[in-house]
Amino acid sequence: MQKSPYIFDVDVAGFEQLVLEASEQQPVLVDFWAEWCSPCLTLAPALERVINGHEGAILLAKIEVDDNMKLAGHYRLRGFPTVILFHRKQELGRFSGARAGHWIEEWLAEHLH
């Protein structure tokens, strides 16, 4: 499968620029996930379909938590996956656990309008 231009990996070093600064232009969804987390692996394809469906109106930043515990701690994440929506450098909402694509669409519509 071809990698989407709207989905990218980010780490502690790039978070400020790639997530917070970028969120000034458009919403950025941040997926905090882990390799060992089966709900994370279940959520990923649904998130990717939703983001690709928005064709760049919303970006998806993926953060592997084992390598970026400092960020997970900063946002007080208790479980994974946790997805946080940023817009204009502010957190607009978050959810945890695997969700279906239609649920994610409704959640985004609720938080962005």
Protein backbone atom coordinates (compact mmCIF):
# COMPACT_ATOMS: atom_id res chain seq x y z
CA MET A 1 0.00 0.00 0.00
CA GLN A 2 1.27 3.46 -0.86
CA LYS A 3 2.05 5.75 2.05
CA SER A 4 -0.37 8.64 2.38
CA PRO A 5 0.96 12.23 2.15
CA TYR A 6 -1.42 13.12 5.03
CA ILE A 7 -0.01 10.56 7.49
CA PHE A 8 3.44 10.77 9.05
CA ASP A 9 5.49 9.54 11.98
CA VAL A 10 6.61 12.07 14.55
CA ASP A 11 8.78 11.98 17.67
CA VAL A 12 9.54 14.27 20.60
CA ALA A 13 11.99 16.34 18.54
CA GLY A 14 9.51 17.04 15.73
CA PHE A 15 6.31 17.37 17.78
CA GLU A 16 6.36 21.16 18.21
CA GLN A 17 6.81 21.85 14.50
CA LEU A 18 4.99 18.93 12.85
CA VAL A 19 1.99 18.86 15.20
CA LEU A 20 1.56 22.11 17.14
CA GLU A 21 2.83 24.53 14.47
CA ALA A 22 1.09 22.58 11.68
CA SER A 23 -2.19 22.71 13.64
CA GLU A 24 -2.27 26.48 13.06
CA GLN A 25 -3.04 25.71 9.38
CA GLN A 26 -5.25 22.63 9.72
CA PRO A 27 -6.35 20.12 12.36
CA VAL A 28 -3.82 17.43 13.27
CA LEU A 29 -4.93 14.14 14.77
CA VAL A 30 -2.22 12.48 16.87
CA ASP A 31 -2.29 8.71 17.27
CA PHE A 32 -0.29 7.56 20.31
CA TRP A 33 0.26 3.86 19.64
CA ALA A 34 2.53 0.94 20.48
CA GLU A 35 3.72 -2.09 18.55
CA TRP A 36 2.60 -4.49 21.33
CA CYS A 37 -0.90 -2.98 21.60
CA SER A 38 -3.50 -4.95 19.62
CA PRO A 39 -6.24 -2.24 19.84
CA CYS A 40 -3.62 0.16 18.36
CA LEU A 41 -3.13 -2.13 15.40
CA THR A 42 -6.92 -2.48 14.99
CA LEU A 43 -7.45 1.30 15.07
CA ALA A 44 -4.70 2.21 12.58
CA PRO A 45 -6.46 1.16 9.32
CA ALA A 46 -9.72 2.92 10.34
CA LEU A 47 -7.83 6.12 11.19
CA GLU A 48 -5.92 5.97 7.92
CA ARG A 49 -9.11 5.51 5.86
CA VAL A 50 -10.77 8.47 7.60
CA ILE A 51 -7.72 10.73 7.13
CA ASN A 52 -7.27 9.77 3.48
CA GLY A 53 -10.98 10.44 2.93
CA HIS A 54 -10.47 14.03 4.09
CA GLU A 55 -7.75 14.49 1.42
CA GLY A 56 -5.44 16.70 3.46
CA ALA A 57 -8.02 18.71 5.39
CA ILE A 58 -6.86 16.83 8.51
CA LEU A 59 -3.39 15.37 9.07
CA LEU A 60 -2.51 12.28 11.10
CA ALA A 61 0.68 12.20 13.16
CA LYS A 62 1.63 8.78 14.52
CA ILE A 63 3.71 8.63 17.70
CA GLU A 64 5.17 5.32 18.84
CA VAL A 65 4.91 5.65 22.63
CA ASP A 66 7.73 3.32 23.65
CA ASP A 67 10.20 5.66 21.94
CA ASN A 68 8.41 8.84 23.03
CA MET A 69 7.35 8.28 26.66
CA LYS A 70 8.07 11.93 27.47
CA LEU A 71 5.20 13.03 25.19
CA ALA A 72 2.89 10.32 26.53
CA GLY A 73 3.65 11.57 30.05
CA HIS A 74 3.22 15.22 29.09
CA TYR A 75 -0.31 14.54 27.81
CA ARG A 76 -1.07 12.24 30.77
CA LEU A 77 -1.96 9.24 28.64
CA ARG A 78 -3.25 6.31 30.64
CA GLY A 79 -3.83 3.74 27.91
CA PHE A 80 -3.22 3.11 24.26
CA PRO A 81 -4.20 3.85 21.66
CA THR A 82 -5.04 7.42 22.60
CA VAL A 83 -5.90 9.85 19.83
CA ILE A 84 -5.76 13.62 20.44
CA LEU A 85 -7.05 16.28 18.07
CA PHE A 86 -5.09 19.54 17.90
CA HIS A 87 -6.17 22.71 16.12
CA ARG A 88 -4.54 26.13 16.51
CA LYS A 89 -2.15 24.56 19.04
CA GLN A 90 -5.05 23.60 21.33
CA GLU A 91 -6.29 20.15 22.26
CA LEU A 92 -9.89 19.92 21.04
CA GLY A 93 -10.59 16.40 22.25
CA ARG A 94 -9.28 12.89 22.73
CA PHE A 95 -10.45 9.30 22.72
CA SER A 96 -8.91 5.97 23.67
CA GLY A 97 -9.32 2.47 22.32
CA ALA A 98 -10.11 1.01 18.93
CA ARG A 99 -13.03 2.66 17.12
CA ALA A 100 -14.78 2.13 13.79
CA GLY A 101 -14.28 4.59 10.95
CA HIS A 102 -17.85 5.94 11.12
CA TRP A 103 -17.42 6.62 14.85
CA ILE A 104 -14.18 8.53 14.16
CA GLU A 105 -15.94 10.59 11.43
CA GLU A 106 -18.73 11.56 13.85
CA TRP A 107 -16.23 12.37 16.59
CA LEU A 108 -14.24 14.62 14.24
CA ALA A 109 -17.38 16.40 13.01
CA GLU A 110 -18.41 17.02 16.61
CA HIS A 111 -15.04 18.48 17.60
CA LEU A 112 -14.34 20.54 14.47
CA HIS A 113 -17.69 22.30 14.05
